[in-house]
Amino acid sequence: QAQLVESGGGLVQAGGSLRLSCAGSGLTFSLATVAWFRGGPGKERDFVAAITWTDGRIAYADSVKGRFTISRDNAKNTVDLQMNSLKPEDTAVYYCAAEPYGAVGIPRTSSEYVYWGQGTQVTVAS
C-alpha cells in the first residue's frame, strides 16, 4: 500500500532551523509532484513548497521564499524541506503530499494531491 512518511519535526527557537524528510513507501515518485503543506487539526492545509520529480521544477509560497529549500534525492526516493530562519508563525503540522500522475504545472491546492503523510509537528518558540 502506497504511503508517505514524514520525519524531522520538533521544537526550535525562533531563528533556528529544522529539516523535514518525506519518504515514499510503496510509491515511487517517478512522475510525481511532491509537496509540503502545513496546517493543523480542523484547519485548511496551506501550500508551502513543491518539486517535480522529472525535471526538478520548484515552487514556494511567498511566506517561506528565501528561508525554506525543497530538494529531492532520487536514489533514496525522498523529498526534504530545509527550514531556516524559522518564525513562530511557521508553527504547524507539516504534511507531505504527492500527485503521482504528472500534473501540468505545479499544483498548489491540497485537493490536487492524492497521497498524504500523517504529518509532523513543527513548533517554533519565540
PDB file of N, CA and C in Angstrom:
ATOM      1  N   GLN A   1       0.847  -1.185   0.000  1.00  0.00           N
ATOM      2  CA  GLN A   1       0.000   0.000   0.000  1.00  0.00           C
ATOM      3  C   GLN A   1       0.887   1.242   0.000  1.00  0.00           C
ATOM      4  N   ALA A   2       0.565   2.168  -0.883  1.00  0.00           N
ATOM      5  CA  ALA A   2       1.381   3.370  -1.003  1.00  0.00           C
ATOM      6  C   ALA A   2       1.159   4.292   0.189  1.00  0.00           C
ATOM      7  N   GLN A   3       2.247   4.814   0.708  1.00  0.00           N
ATOM      8  CA  GLN A   3       2.116   5.773   1.791  1.00  0.00           C
ATOM      9  C   GLN A   3       3.333   6.678   1.828  1.00  0.00           C
ATOM     10  N   LEU A   4       3.139   7.820   2.464  1.00  0.00           N
ATOM     11  CA  LEU A   4       4.210   8.783   2.671  1.00  0.00           C
ATOM     12  C   LEU A   4       4.475   8.887   4.163  1.00  0.00           C
ATOM     13  N   VAL A   5       5.743   8.964   4.523  1.00  0.00           N
ATOM     14  CA  VAL A   5       6.119   9.050   5.925  1.00  0.00           C
ATOM     15  C   VAL A   5       7.020  10.256   6.118  1.00  0.00           C
ATOM     16  N   GLU A   6       6.578  11.170   6.989  1.00  0.00           N
ATOM     17  CA  GLU A   6       7.371  12.360   7.282  1.00  0.00           C
ATOM     18  C   GLU A   6       8.206  12.131   8.538  1.00  0.00           C
ATOM     19  N   SER A   7       9.315  12.824   8.623  1.00  0.00           N
ATOM     20  CA  SER A   7      10.140  12.802   9.829  1.00  0.00           C
ATOM     21  C   SER A   7      10.855  14.140   9.952  1.00  0.00           C
ATOM     22  N   GLY A   8      11.343  14.431  11.156  1.00  0.00           N
ATOM     23  CA  GLY A   8      12.191  15.604  11.340  1.00  0.00           C
ATOM     24  C   GLY A   8      11.559  16.788  12.044  1.00  0.00           C
ATOM     25  N   GLY A   9      10.310  16.694  12.432  1.00  0.00           N
ATOM     26  CA  GLY A   9       9.700  17.810  13.140  1.00  0.00           C
ATOM     27  C   GLY A   9      10.251  17.942  14.553  1.00  0.00           C
ATOM     28  N   GLY A  10       9.821  18.993  15.243  1.00  0.00           N
ATOM     29  CA  GLY A  10      10.260  19.182  16.609  1.00  0.00           C
ATOM     30  C   GLY A  10      10.061  20.599  17.088  1.00  0.00           C
ATOM     31  N   LEU A  11      10.708  20.915  18.201  1.00  0.00           N
ATOM     32  CA  LEU A  11      10.634  22.240  18.817  1.00  0.00           C
ATOM     33  C   LEU A  11      11.946  22.971  18.584  1.00  0.00           C
ATOM     34  N   VAL A  12      11.850  24.215  18.167  1.00  0.00           N
ATOM     35  CA  VAL A  12      13.048  25.003  17.892  1.00  0.00           C
ATOM     36  C   VAL A  12      12.779  26.448  18.286  1.00  0.00           C
ATOM     37  N   GLN A  13      13.823  27.157  18.639  1.00  0.00           N
ATOM     38  CA  GLN A  13      13.693  28.578  18.954  1.00  0.00           C
ATOM     39  C   GLN A  13      13.589  29.389  17.666  1.00  0.00           C
ATOM     40  N   ALA A  14      12.945  30.529  17.757  1.00  0.00           N
ATOM     41  CA  ALA A  14      12.861  31.425  16.600  1.00  0.00           C
ATOM     42  C   ALA A  14      14.261  31.737  16.076  1.00  0.00           C
ATOM     43  N   GLY A  15      14.394  31.716  14.764  1.00  0.00           N
ATOM     44  CA  GLY A  15      15.692  31.916  14.136  1.00  0.00           C
ATOM     45  C   GLY A  15      16.442  30.622  13.860  1.00  0.00           C
ATOM     46  N   GLY A  16      15.955  29.539  14.430  1.00  0.00           N
ATOM     47  CA  GLY A  16      16.617  28.256  14.266  1.00  0.00           C
ATOM     48  C   GLY A  16      16.228  27.550  12.982  1.00  0.00           C
ATOM     49  N   SER A  17      16.695  26.309  12.851  1.00  0.00           N
ATOM     50  CA  SER A  17      16.478  25.524  11.632  1.00  0.00           C
ATOM     51  C   SER A  17      15.981  24.127  11.969  1.00  0.00           C
ATOM     52  N   LEU A  18      15.232  23.577  11.038  1.00  0.00           N
ATOM     53  CA  LEU A  18      14.818  22.179  11.084  1.00  0.00           C
ATOM     54  C   LEU A  18      14.839  21.635   9.661  1.00  0.00           C
ATOM     55  N   ARG A  19      15.015  20.330   9.555  1.00  0.00           N
ATOM     56  CA  ARG A  19      14.970  19.678   8.245  1.00  0.00           C
ATOM     57  C   ARG A  19      13.934  18.566   8.308  1.00  0.00           C
ATOM     58  N   LEU A  20      12.947  18.637   7.444  1.00  0.00           N
ATOM     59  CA  LEU A  20      11.924  17.604   7.341  1.00  0.00           C
ATOM     60  C   LEU A  20      12.247  16.691   6.158  1.00  0.00           C
ATOM     61  N   SER A  21      11.855  15.427   6.292  1.00  0.00           N
ATOM     62  CA  SER A  21      12.069  14.475   5.218  1.00  0.00           C
ATOM     63  C   SER A  21      10.785  13.707   4.947  1.00  0.00           C
ATOM     64  N   CYS A  22      10.533  13.422   3.681  1.00  0.00           N
ATOM     65  CA  CYS A  22       9.355  12.662   3.260  1.00  0.00           C
ATOM     66  C   CYS A  22       9.832  11.469   2.453  1.00  0.00           C
ATOM     67  N   ALA A  23       9.462  10.281   2.900  1.00  0.00           N
ATOM     68  CA  ALA A  23       9.850   9.063   2.203  1.00  0.00           C
ATOM     69  C   ALA A  23       8.622   8.380   1.622  1.00  0.00           C
ATOM     70  N   GLY A  24       8.743   7.913   0.390  1.00  0.00           N
ATOM     71  CA  GLY A  24       7.659   7.184  -0.239  1.00  0.00           C
ATOM     72  C   GLY A  24       7.818   5.704   0.009  1.00  0.00           C
ATOM     73  N   SER A  25       6.775   5.087   0.518  1.00  0.00           N
ATOM     74  CA  SER A  25       6.779   3.642   0.751  1.00  0.00           C
ATOM     75  C   SER A  25       5.722   3.015  -0.150  1.00  0.00           C
ATOM     76  N   GLY A  26       6.153   2.086  -1.021  1.00  0.00           N
ATOM     77  CA  GLY A  26       5.212   1.505  -1.967  1.00  0.00           C
ATOM     78  C   GLY A  26       4.766   2.492  -3.016  1.00  0.00           C
ATOM     79  N   LEU A  27       5.495   3.569  -3.132  1.00  0.00           N
ATOM     80  CA  LEU A  27       5.148   4.637  -4.083  1.00  0.00           C
ATOM     81  C   LEU A  27       6.445   5.224  -4.615  1.00  0.00           C
ATOM     82  N   THR A  28       6.610   5.132  -5.921  1.00  0.00           N
ATOM     83  CA  THR A  28       7.779   5.784  -6.496  1.00  0.00           C
ATOM     84  C   THR A  28       7.370   7.140  -7.034  1.00  0.00           C
ATOM     85  N   PHE A  29       8.278   8.061  -6.959  1.00  0.00           N
ATOM     86  CA  PHE A  29       7.981   9.444  -7.317  1.00  0.00           C
ATOM     87  C   PHE A  29       8.297   9.752  -8.786  1.00  0.00           C
ATOM     88  N   SER A  30       8.409   8.730  -9.605  1.00  0.00           N
ATOM     89  CA  SER A  30       8.981   8.924 -10.932  1.00  0.00           C
ATOM     90  C   SER A  30       8.262   9.960 -11.780  1.00  0.00           C
ATOM     91  N   LEU A  31       6.960  10.083 -11.663  1.00  0.00           N
ATOM     92  CA  LEU A  31       6.223  11.086 -12.429  1.00  0.00           C
ATOM     93  C   LEU A  31       5.635  12.170 -11.551  1.00  0.00           C
ATOM     94  N   ALA A  32       5.936  12.125 -10.267  1.00  0.00           N
ATOM     95  CA  ALA A  32       5.156  12.873  -9.299  1.00  0.00           C
ATOM     96  C   ALA A  32       5.590  14.321  -9.142  1.00  0.00           C
ATOM     97  N   THR A  33       4.670  15.073  -8.615  1.00  0.00           N
ATOM     98  CA  THR A  33       4.981  16.319  -7.944  1.00  0.00           C
ATOM     99  C   THR A  33       4.827  16.030  -6.455  1.00  0.00           C
ATOM    100  N   VAL A  34       5.841  16.369  -5.676  1.00  0.00           N
ATOM    101  CA  VAL A  34       5.799  16.150  -4.238  1.00  0.00           C
ATOM    102  C   VAL A  34       5.828  17.511  -3.549  1.00  0.00           C
ATOM    103  N   ALA A  35       4.946  17.683  -2.607  1.00  0.00           N
ATOM    104  CA  ALA A  35       4.782  18.991  -1.983  1.00  0.00           C
ATOM    105  C   ALA A  35       4.763  18.887  -0.474  1.00  0.00           C
ATOM    106  N   TRP A  36       4.996  20.006   0.156  1.00  0.00           N
ATOM    107  CA  TRP A  36       4.800  20.169   1.593  1.00  0.00           C
ATOM    108  C   TRP A  36       3.682  21.192   1.798  1.00  0.00           C
ATOM    109  N   PHE A  37       2.758  20.825   2.666  1.00  0.00           N
ATOM    110  CA  PHE A  37       1.695  21.711   3.121  1.00  0.00           C
ATOM    111  C   PHE A  37       1.815  21.830   4.637  1.00  0.00           C
ATOM    112  N   ARG A  38       1.131  22.819   5.186  1.00  0.00           N
ATOM    113  CA  ARG A  38       1.096  22.928   6.646  1.00  0.00           C
ATOM    114  C   ARG A  38      -0.280  23.372   7.094  1.00  0.00           C
ATOM    115  N   GLY A  39      -0.610  22.953   8.273  1.00  0.00           N
ATOM    116  CA  GLY A  39      -1.915  23.286   8.829  1.00  0.00           C
ATOM    117  C   GLY A  39      -2.035  22.692  10.208  1.00  0.00           C
ATOM    118  N   GLY A  40      -3.242  22.515  10.649  1.00  0.00           N
ATOM    119  CA  GLY A  40      -3.490  21.944  11.954  1.00  0.00           C
ATOM    120  C   GLY A  40      -4.828  21.258  11.970  1.00  0.00           C
ATOM    121  N   PRO A  41      -5.174  20.633  13.068  1.00  0.00           N
ATOM    122  CA  PRO A  41      -6.466  19.935  13.161  1.00  0.00           C
ATOM    123  C   PRO A  41      -7.618  20.862  12.833  1.00  0.00           C
ATOM    124  N   GLY A  42      -8.420  20.473  11.887  1.00  0.00           N
ATOM    125  CA  GLY A  42      -9.579  21.274  11.528  1.00  0.00           C
ATOM    126  C   GLY A  42      -9.272  22.510  10.726  1.00  0.00           C
ATOM    127  N   LYS A  43      -8.033  22.682  10.318  1.00  0.00           N
ATOM    128  CA  LYS A  43      -7.653  23.868   9.561  1.00  0.00           C
ATOM    129  C   LYS A  43      -7.330  23.509   8.121  1.00  0.00           C
ATOM    130  N   GLU A  44      -7.488  24.483   7.250  1.00  0.00           N
ATOM    131  CA  GLU A  44      -7.084  24.322   5.861  1.00  0.00           C
ATOM    132  C   GLU A  44      -5.583  24.075   5.805  1.00  0.00           C
ATOM    133  N   ARG A  45      -5.174  23.229   4.877  1.00  0.00           N
ATOM    134  CA  ARG A  45      -3.748  22.981   4.690  1.00  0.00           C
ATOM    135  C   ARG A  45      -3.216  23.948   3.642  1.00  0.00           C
ATOM    136  N   ASP A  46      -2.221  24.716   4.026  1.00  0.00           N
ATOM    137  CA  ASP A  46      -1.655  25.738   3.159  1.00  0.00           C
ATOM    138  C   ASP A  46      -0.422  25.225   2.441  1.00  0.00           C
ATOM    139  N   PHE A  47      -0.313  25.582   1.193  1.00  0.00           N
ATOM    140  CA  PHE A  47       0.842  25.202   0.377  1.00  0.00           C
ATOM    141  C   PHE A  47       2.109  25.847   0.922  1.00  0.00           C
ATOM    142  N   VAL A  48       3.182  25.055   0.982  1.00  0.00           N
ATOM    143  CA  VAL A  48       4.476  25.565   1.426  1.00  0.00           C
ATOM    144  C   VAL A  48       5.490  25.535   0.276  1.00  0.00           C
ATOM    145  N   ALA A  49       5.673  24.350  -0.305  1.00  0.00           N
ATOM    146  CA  ALA A  49       6.661  24.192  -1.375  1.00  0.00           C
ATOM    147  C   ALA A  49       6.379  22.899  -2.124  1.00  0.00           C
ATOM    148  N   ALA A  50       6.859  22.821  -3.359  1.00  0.00           N
ATOM    149  CA  ALA A  50       6.683  21.610  -4.155  1.00  0.00           C
ATOM    150  C   ALA A  50       7.829  21.465  -5.136  1.00  0.00           C
ATOM    151  N   ILE A  51       8.075  20.223  -5.543  1.00  0.00           N
ATOM    152  CA  ILE A  51       9.121  19.937  -6.520  1.00  0.00           C
ATOM    153  C   ILE A  51       8.616  18.852  -7.459  1.00  0.00           C
ATOM    154  N   THR A  52       8.914  19.007  -8.750  1.00  0.00           N
ATOM    155  CA  THR A  52       8.551  17.978  -9.717  1.00  0.00           C
ATOM    156  C   THR A  52       9.694  16.975  -9.831  1.00  0.00           C
ATOM    157  N   TRP A  53       9.335  15.695  -9.885  1.00  0.00           N
ATOM    158  CA  TRP A  53      10.380  14.668  -9.839  1.00  0.00           C
ATOM    159  C   TRP A  53      11.160  14.589 -11.138  1.00  0.00           C
ATOM    160  N   THR A  54      10.489  14.769 -12.266  1.00  0.00           N
ATOM    161  CA  THR A  54      11.147  14.542 -13.557  1.00  0.00           C
ATOM    162  C   THR A  54      12.183  15.613 -13.881  1.00  0.00           C
ATOM    163  N   ASP A  55      11.845  16.872 -13.650  1.00  0.00           N
ATOM    164  CA  ASP A  55      12.763  17.936 -14.055  1.00  0.00           C
ATOM    165  C   ASP A  55      13.128  18.922 -12.943  1.00  0.00           C
ATOM    166  N   GLY A  56      12.687  18.631 -11.722  1.00  0.00           N
ATOM    167  CA  GLY A  56      13.136  19.432 -10.588  1.00  0.00           C
ATOM    168  C   GLY A  56      12.629  20.854 -10.524  1.00  0.00           C
ATOM    169  N   ARG A  57      11.508  21.150 -11.216  1.00  0.00           N
ATOM    170  CA  ARG A  57      10.935  22.486 -11.071  1.00  0.00           C
ATOM    171  C   ARG A  57      10.428  22.659  -9.643  1.00  0.00           C
ATOM    172  N   ILE A  58      10.562  23.877  -9.124  1.00  0.00           N
ATOM    173  CA  ILE A  58      10.258  24.152  -7.720  1.00  0.00           C
ATOM    174  C   ILE A  58       9.345  25.360  -7.605  1.00  0.00           C
ATOM    175  N   ALA A  59       8.476  25.304  -6.616  1.00  0.00           N
ATOM    176  CA  ALA A  59       7.627  26.448  -6.287  1.00  0.00           C
ATOM    177  C   ALA A  59       7.577  26.608  -4.776  1.00  0.00           C
ATOM    178  N   TYR A  60       7.506  27.848  -4.325  1.00  0.00           N
ATOM    179  CA  TYR A  60       7.417  28.157  -2.900  1.00  0.00           C
ATOM    180  C   TYR A  60       6.258  29.115  -2.647  1.00  0.00           C
ATOM    181  N   ALA A  61       5.684  29.008  -1.467  1.00  0.00           N
ATOM    182  CA  ALA A  61       4.770  30.036  -1.012  1.00  0.00           C
ATOM    183  C   ALA A  61       5.578  31.290  -0.707  1.00  0.00           C
ATOM    184  N   ASP A  62       4.977  32.449  -0.922  1.00  0.00           N
ATOM    185  CA  ASP A  62       5.698  33.702  -0.679  1.00  0.00           C
ATOM    186  C   ASP A  62       6.189  33.807   0.764  1.00  0.00           C
ATOM    187  N   SER A  63       5.438  33.244   1.687  1.00  0.00           N
ATOM    188  CA  SER A  63       5.766  33.372   3.113  1.00  0.00           C
ATOM    189  C   SER A  63       7.037  32.629   3.503  1.00  0.00           C
ATOM    190  N   VAL A  64       7.489  31.686   2.674  1.00  0.00           N
ATOM    191  CA  VAL A  64       8.678  30.908   3.029  1.00  0.00           C
ATOM    192  C   VAL A  64       9.826  31.107   2.056  1.00  0.00           C
ATOM    193  N   LYS A  65       9.585  31.839   0.987  1.00  0.00           N
ATOM    194  CA  LYS A  65      10.605  32.039  -0.032  1.00  0.00           C
ATOM    195  C   LYS A  65      11.835  32.701   0.572  1.00  0.00           C
ATOM    196  N   GLY A  66      13.002  32.142   0.272  1.00  0.00           N
ATOM    197  CA  GLY A  66      14.246  32.675   0.817  1.00  0.00           C
ATOM    198  C   GLY A  66      14.642  32.076   2.149  1.00  0.00           C
ATOM    199  N   ARG A  67      13.712  31.369   2.785  1.00  0.00           N
ATOM    200  CA  ARG A  67      14.015  30.736   4.087  1.00  0.00           C
ATOM    201  C   ARG A  67      13.965  29.210   4.005  1.00  0.00           C
ATOM    202  N   PHE A  68      13.070  28.688   3.187  1.00  0.00           N
ATOM    203  CA  PHE A  68      12.906  27.238   3.061  1.00  0.00           C
ATOM    204  C   PHE A  68      13.473  26.780   1.721  1.00  0.00           C
ATOM    205  N   THR A  69      14.007  25.549   1.713  1.00  0.00           N
ATOM    206  CA  THR A  69      14.513  24.952   0.484  1.00  0.00           C
ATOM    207  C   THR A  69      14.005  23.528   0.369  1.00  0.00           C
ATOM    208  N   ILE A  70      13.382  23.217  -0.765  1.00  0.00           N
ATOM    209  CA  ILE A  70      12.918  21.859  -1.018  1.00  0.00           C
ATOM    210  C   ILE A  70      13.909  21.178  -1.955  1.00  0.00           C
ATOM    211  N   SER A  71      14.144  19.891  -1.714  1.00  0.00           N
ATOM    212  CA  SER A  71      15.082  19.149  -2.548  1.00  0.00           C
ATOM    213  C   SER A  71      14.642  17.697  -2.634  1.00  0.00           C
ATOM    214  N   ARG A  72      15.166  16.999  -3.637  1.00  0.00           N
ATOM    215  CA  ARG A  72      14.809  15.595  -3.787  1.00  0.00           C
ATOM    216  C   ARG A  72      16.068  14.746  -3.882  1.00  0.00           C
ATOM    217  N   ASP A  73      15.938  13.494  -3.471  1.00  0.00           N
ATOM    218  CA  ASP A  73      17.020  12.516  -3.592  1.00  0.00           C
ATOM    219  C   ASP A  73      16.460  11.340  -4.365  1.00  0.00           C
ATOM    220  N   ASN A  74      16.833  11.243  -5.637  1.00  0.00           N
ATOM    221  CA  ASN A  74      16.283  10.192  -6.496  1.00  0.00           C
ATOM    222  C   ASN A  74      16.619   8.798  -5.978  1.00  0.00           C
ATOM    223  N   ALA A  75      17.824   8.616  -5.505  1.00  0.00           N
ATOM    224  CA  ALA A  75      18.261   7.290  -5.062  1.00  0.00           C
ATOM    225  C   ALA A  75      17.488   6.831  -3.822  1.00  0.00           C
ATOM    226  N   LYS A  76      17.209   7.767  -2.921  1.00  0.00           N
ATOM    227  CA  LYS A  76      16.529   7.409  -1.671  1.00  0.00           C
ATOM    228  C   LYS A  76      15.014   7.526  -1.781  1.00  0.00           C
ATOM    229  N   ASN A  77      14.523   8.096  -2.878  1.00  0.00           N
ATOM    230  CA  ASN A  77      13.081   8.307  -3.041  1.00  0.00           C
ATOM    231  C   ASN A  77      12.522   9.163  -1.907  1.00  0.00           C
ATOM    232  N   THR A  78      13.240  10.252  -1.629  1.00  0.00           N
ATOM    233  CA  THR A  78      12.825  11.144  -0.557  1.00  0.00           C
ATOM    234  C   THR A  78      12.804  12.591  -1.038  1.00  0.00           C
ATOM    235  N   VAL A  79      12.002  13.388  -0.361  1.00  0.00           N
ATOM    236  CA  VAL A  79      11.951  14.830  -0.592  1.00  0.00           C
ATOM    237  C   VAL A  79      12.145  15.512   0.759  1.00  0.00           C
ATOM    238  N   ASP A  80      13.090  16.414   0.838  1.00  0.00           N
ATOM    239  CA  ASP A  80      13.398  17.108   2.080  1.00  0.00           C
ATOM    240  C   ASP A  80      12.953  18.563   2.016  1.00  0.00           C
ATOM    241  N   LEU A  81      12.694  19.120   3.190  1.00  0.00           N
ATOM    242  CA  LEU A  81      12.395  20.540   3.311  1.00  0.00           C
ATOM    243  C   LEU A  81      13.320  21.117   4.383  1.00  0.00           C
ATOM    244  N   GLN A  82      14.281  21.890   3.949  1.00  0.00           N
ATOM    245  CA  GLN A  82      15.188  22.570   4.878  1.00  0.00           C
ATOM    246  C   GLN A  82      14.562  23.902   5.257  1.00  0.00           C
ATOM    247  N   MET A  83      14.349  24.102   6.548  1.00  0.00           N
ATOM    248  CA  MET A  83      13.681  25.308   7.028  1.00  0.00           C
ATOM    249  C   MET A  83      14.654  26.104   7.886  1.00  0.00           C
ATOM    250  N   ASN A  84      14.992  27.288   7.434  1.00  0.00           N
ATOM    251  CA  ASN A  84      15.900  28.173   8.150  1.00  0.00           C
ATOM    252  C   ASN A  84      15.177  29.433   8.588  1.00  0.00           C
ATOM    253  N   SER A  85      15.784  30.159   9.501  1.00  0.00           N
ATOM    254  CA  SER A  85      15.216  31.423   9.992  1.00  0.00           C
ATOM    255  C   SER A  85      13.754  31.254  10.385  1.00  0.00           C
ATOM    256  N   LEU A  86      13.494  30.217  11.142  1.00  0.00           N
ATOM    257  CA  LEU A  86      12.115  29.897  11.499  1.00  0.00           C
ATOM    258  C   LEU A  86      11.496  30.968  12.379  1.00  0.00           C
ATOM    259  N   LYS A  87      10.200  31.172  12.171  1.00  0.00           N
ATOM    260  CA  LYS A  87       9.439  32.171  12.910  1.00  0.00           C
ATOM    261  C   LYS A  87       8.307  31.472  13.665  1.00  0.00           C
ATOM    262  N   PRO A  88       7.815  32.080  14.730  1.00  0.00           N
ATOM    263  CA  PRO A  88       6.693  31.466  15.450  1.00  0.00           C
ATOM    264  C   PRO A  88       5.496  31.181  14.544  1.00  0.00           C
ATOM    265  N   GLU A  89       5.283  32.003  13.554  1.00  0.00           N
ATOM    266  CA  GLU A  89       4.144  31.774  12.655  1.00  0.00           C
ATOM    267  C   GLU A  89       4.352  30.580  11.731  1.00  0.00           C
ATOM    268  N   ASP A  90       5.527  29.986  11.724  1.00  0.00           N
ATOM    269  CA  ASP A  90       5.751  28.749  10.983  1.00  0.00           C
ATOM    270  C   ASP A  90       5.261  27.530  11.755  1.00  0.00           C
ATOM    271  N   THR A  91       4.872  27.737  13.001  1.00  0.00           N
ATOM    272  CA  THR A  91       4.367  26.631  13.808  1.00  0.00           C
ATOM    273  C   THR A  91       3.133  26.021  13.166  1.00  0.00           C
ATOM    274  N   ALA A  92       3.168  24.703  12.954  1.00  0.00           N
ATOM    275  CA  ALA A  92       2.061  23.995  12.294  1.00  0.00           C
ATOM    276  C   ALA A  92       2.397  22.516  12.218  1.00  0.00           C
ATOM    277  N   VAL A  93       1.433  21.737  11.810  1.00  0.00           N
ATOM    278  CA  VAL A  93       1.698  20.365  11.396  1.00  0.00           C
ATOM    279  C   VAL A  93       2.061  20.411   9.917  1.00  0.00           C
ATOM    280  N   TYR A  94       3.181  19.821   9.563  1.00  0.00           N
ATOM    281  CA  TYR A  94       3.655  19.824   8.181  1.00  0.00           C
ATOM    282  C   TYR A  94       3.355  18.461   7.557  1.00  0.00           C
ATOM    283  N   TYR A  95       2.743  18.510   6.378  1.00  0.00           N
ATOM    284  CA  TYR A  95       2.329  17.309   5.681  1.00  0.00           C
ATOM    285  C   TYR A  95       3.052  17.200   4.342  1.00  0.00           C
ATOM    286  N   CYS A  96       3.466  15.994   4.021  1.00  0.00           N
ATOM    287  CA  CYS A  96       3.994  15.686   2.706  1.00  0.00           C
ATOM    288  C   CYS A  96       2.851  15.155   1.842  1.00  0.00           C
ATOM    289  N   ALA A  97       2.843  15.545   0.579  1.00  0.00           N
ATOM    290  CA  ALA A  97       1.786  15.101  -0.323  1.00  0.00           C
ATOM    291  C   ALA A  97       2.380  14.806  -1.691  1.00  0.00           C
ATOM    292  N   ALA A  98       1.757  13.886  -2.409  1.00  0.00           N
ATOM    293  CA  ALA A  98       2.240  13.526  -3.742  1.00  0.00           C
ATOM    294  C   ALA A  98       1.101  13.467  -4.734  1.00  0.00           C
ATOM    295  N   GLU A  99       1.359  14.046  -5.871  1.00  0.00           N
ATOM    296  CA  GLU A  99       0.466  13.927  -7.019  1.00  0.00           C
ATOM    297  C   GLU A  99       1.221  13.067  -8.014  1.00  0.00           C
ATOM    298  N   PRO A 100       0.808  11.785  -8.188  1.00  0.00           N
ATOM    299  CA  PRO A 100       1.670  10.817  -8.878  1.00  0.00           C
ATOM    300  C   PRO A 100       1.531  10.729 -10.384  1.00  0.00           C
ATOM    301  N   TYR A 101       0.689  11.509 -10.975  1.00  0.00           N
ATOM    302  CA  TYR A 101       0.371  11.299 -12.386  1.00  0.00           C
ATOM    303  C   TYR A 101       1.032  12.284 -13.340  1.00  0.00           C
ATOM    304  N   GLY A 102       1.799  13.216 -12.801  1.00  0.00           N
ATOM    305  CA  GLY A 102       2.458  14.166 -13.687  1.00  0.00           C
ATOM    306  C   GLY A 102       1.544  15.309 -14.072  1.00  0.00           C
ATOM    307  N   ALA A 103       1.224  16.154 -13.099  1.00  0.00           N
ATOM    308  CA  ALA A 103       0.314  17.272 -13.356  1.00  0.00           C
ATOM    309  C   ALA A 103       0.964  18.307 -14.272  1.00  0.00           C
ATOM    310  N   VAL A 104       0.141  19.034 -14.984  1.00  0.00           N
ATOM    311  CA  VAL A 104       0.630  20.170 -15.753  1.00  0.00           C
ATOM    312  C   VAL A 104       0.853  21.309 -14.781  1.00  0.00           C
ATOM    313  N   GLY A 105       2.015  21.883 -14.794  1.00  0.00           N
ATOM    314  CA  GLY A 105       2.313  22.920 -13.827  1.00  0.00           C
ATOM    315  C   GLY A 105       2.596  22.322 -12.455  1.00  0.00           C
ATOM    316  N   ILE A 106       2.649  23.159 -11.453  1.00  0.00           N
ATOM    317  CA  ILE A 106       2.892  22.716 -10.082  1.00  0.00           C
ATOM    318  C   ILE A 106       1.644  23.020  -9.258  1.00  0.00           C
ATOM    319  N   PRO A 107       0.907  21.990  -8.877  1.00  0.00           N
ATOM    320  CA  PRO A 107      -0.326  22.222  -8.110  1.00  0.00           C
ATOM    321  C   PRO A 107      -0.020  22.859  -6.756  1.00  0.00           C
ATOM    322  N   ARG A 108      -0.898  23.799  -6.349  1.00  0.00           N
ATOM    323  CA  ARG A 108      -0.715  24.487  -5.075  1.00  0.00           C
ATOM    324  C   ARG A 108      -1.900  24.318  -4.139  1.00  0.00           C
ATOM    325  N   THR A 109      -2.898  23.555  -4.536  1.00  0.00           N
ATOM    326  CA  THR A 109      -4.039  23.328  -3.658  1.00  0.00           C
ATOM    327  C   THR A 109      -4.076  21.881  -3.205  1.00  0.00           C
ATOM    328  N   SER A 110      -4.500  21.678  -1.974  1.00  0.00           N
ATOM    329  CA  SER A 110      -4.451  20.344  -1.380  1.00  0.00           C
ATOM    330  C   SER A 110      -5.314  19.338  -2.131  1.00  0.00           C
ATOM    331  N   SER A 111      -6.377  19.787  -2.744  1.00  0.00           N
ATOM    332  CA  SER A 111      -7.281  18.869  -3.432  1.00  0.00           C
ATOM    333  C   SER A 111      -6.654  18.228  -4.657  1.00  0.00           C
ATOM    334  N   GLU A 112      -5.561  18.780  -5.134  1.00  0.00           N
ATOM    335  CA  GLU A 112      -4.901  18.244  -6.312  1.00  0.00           C
ATOM    336  C   GLU A 112      -3.919  17.125  -5.984  1.00  0.00           C
ATOM    337  N   TYR A 113      -3.732  16.844  -4.714  1.00  0.00           N
ATOM    338  CA  TYR A 113      -2.784  15.813  -4.305  1.00  0.00           C
ATOM    339  C   TYR A 113      -3.526  14.565  -3.853  1.00  0.00           C
ATOM    340  N   VAL A 114      -2.943  13.405  -4.179  1.00  0.00           N
ATOM    341  CA  VAL A 114      -3.617  12.123  -3.956  1.00  0.00           C
ATOM    342  C   VAL A 114      -3.156  11.445  -2.673  1.00  0.00           C
ATOM    343  N   TYR A 115      -1.866  11.422  -2.458  1.00  0.00           N
ATOM    344  CA  TYR A 115      -1.305  10.720  -1.312  1.00  0.00           C
ATOM    345  C   TYR A 115      -0.817  11.733  -0.272  1.00  0.00           C
ATOM    346  N   TRP A 116      -1.049  11.377   0.980  1.00  0.00           N
ATOM    347  CA  TRP A 116      -0.686  12.258   2.084  1.00  0.00           C
ATOM    348  C   TRP A 116      -0.012  11.474   3.199  1.00  0.00           C
ATOM    349  N   GLY A 117       0.950  12.123   3.844  1.00  0.00           N
ATOM    350  CA  GLY A 117       1.512  11.571   5.054  1.00  0.00           C
ATOM    351  C   GLY A 117       0.661  11.959   6.254  1.00  0.00           C
ATOM    352  N   GLN A 118       1.042  11.458   7.414  1.00  0.00           N
ATOM    353  CA  GLN A 118       0.275  11.725   8.636  1.00  0.00           C
ATOM    354  C   GLN A 118       0.614  13.067   9.266  1.00  0.00           C
ATOM    355  N   GLY A 119       1.715  13.656   8.852  1.00  0.00           N
ATOM    356  CA  GLY A 119       2.093  14.960   9.376  1.00  0.00           C
ATOM    357  C   GLY A 119       3.127  14.884  10.477  1.00  0.00           C
ATOM    358  N   THR A 120       3.905  15.931  10.598  1.00  0.00           N
ATOM    359  CA  THR A 120       4.897  16.048  11.656  1.00  0.00           C
ATOM    360  C   THR A 120       4.805  17.459  12.238  1.00  0.00           C
ATOM    361  N   GLN A 121       4.803  17.546  13.563  1.00  0.00           N
ATOM    362  CA  GLN A 121       4.616  18.831  14.233  1.00  0.00           C
ATOM    363  C   GLN A 121       5.909  19.635  14.238  1.00  0.00           C
ATOM    364  N   VAL A 122       5.783  20.887  13.861  1.00  0.00           N
ATOM    365  CA  VAL A 122       6.880  21.849  13.970  1.00  0.00           C
ATOM    366  C   VAL A 122       6.406  22.969  14.886  1.00  0.00           C
ATOM    367  N   THR A 123       7.142  23.211  15.948  1.00  0.00           N
ATOM    368  CA  THR A 123       6.807  24.272  16.888  1.00  0.00           C
ATOM    369  C   THR A 123       7.999  25.207  17.012  1.00  0.00           C
ATOM    370  N   VAL A 124       7.750  26.492  16.768  1.00  0.00           N
ATOM    371  CA  VAL A 124       8.795  27.498  16.845  1.00  0.00           C
ATOM    372  C   VAL A 124       8.481  28.413  18.021  1.00  0.00           C
ATOM    373  N   ALA A 125       9.344  28.390  19.019  1.00  0.00           N
ATOM    374  CA  ALA A 125       9.137  29.181  20.221  1.00  0.00           C
ATOM    375  C   ALA A 125       9.743  30.572  20.061  1.00  0.00           C
ATOM    376  N   SER A 126       9.031  31.565  20.576  1.00  0.00           N
ATOM    377  CA  SER A 126       9.528  32.947  20.444  1.00  0.00           C
ATOM    378  C   SER A 126      10.479  33.307  21.565  1.00  0.00           C
TER     379      SER A 126
END
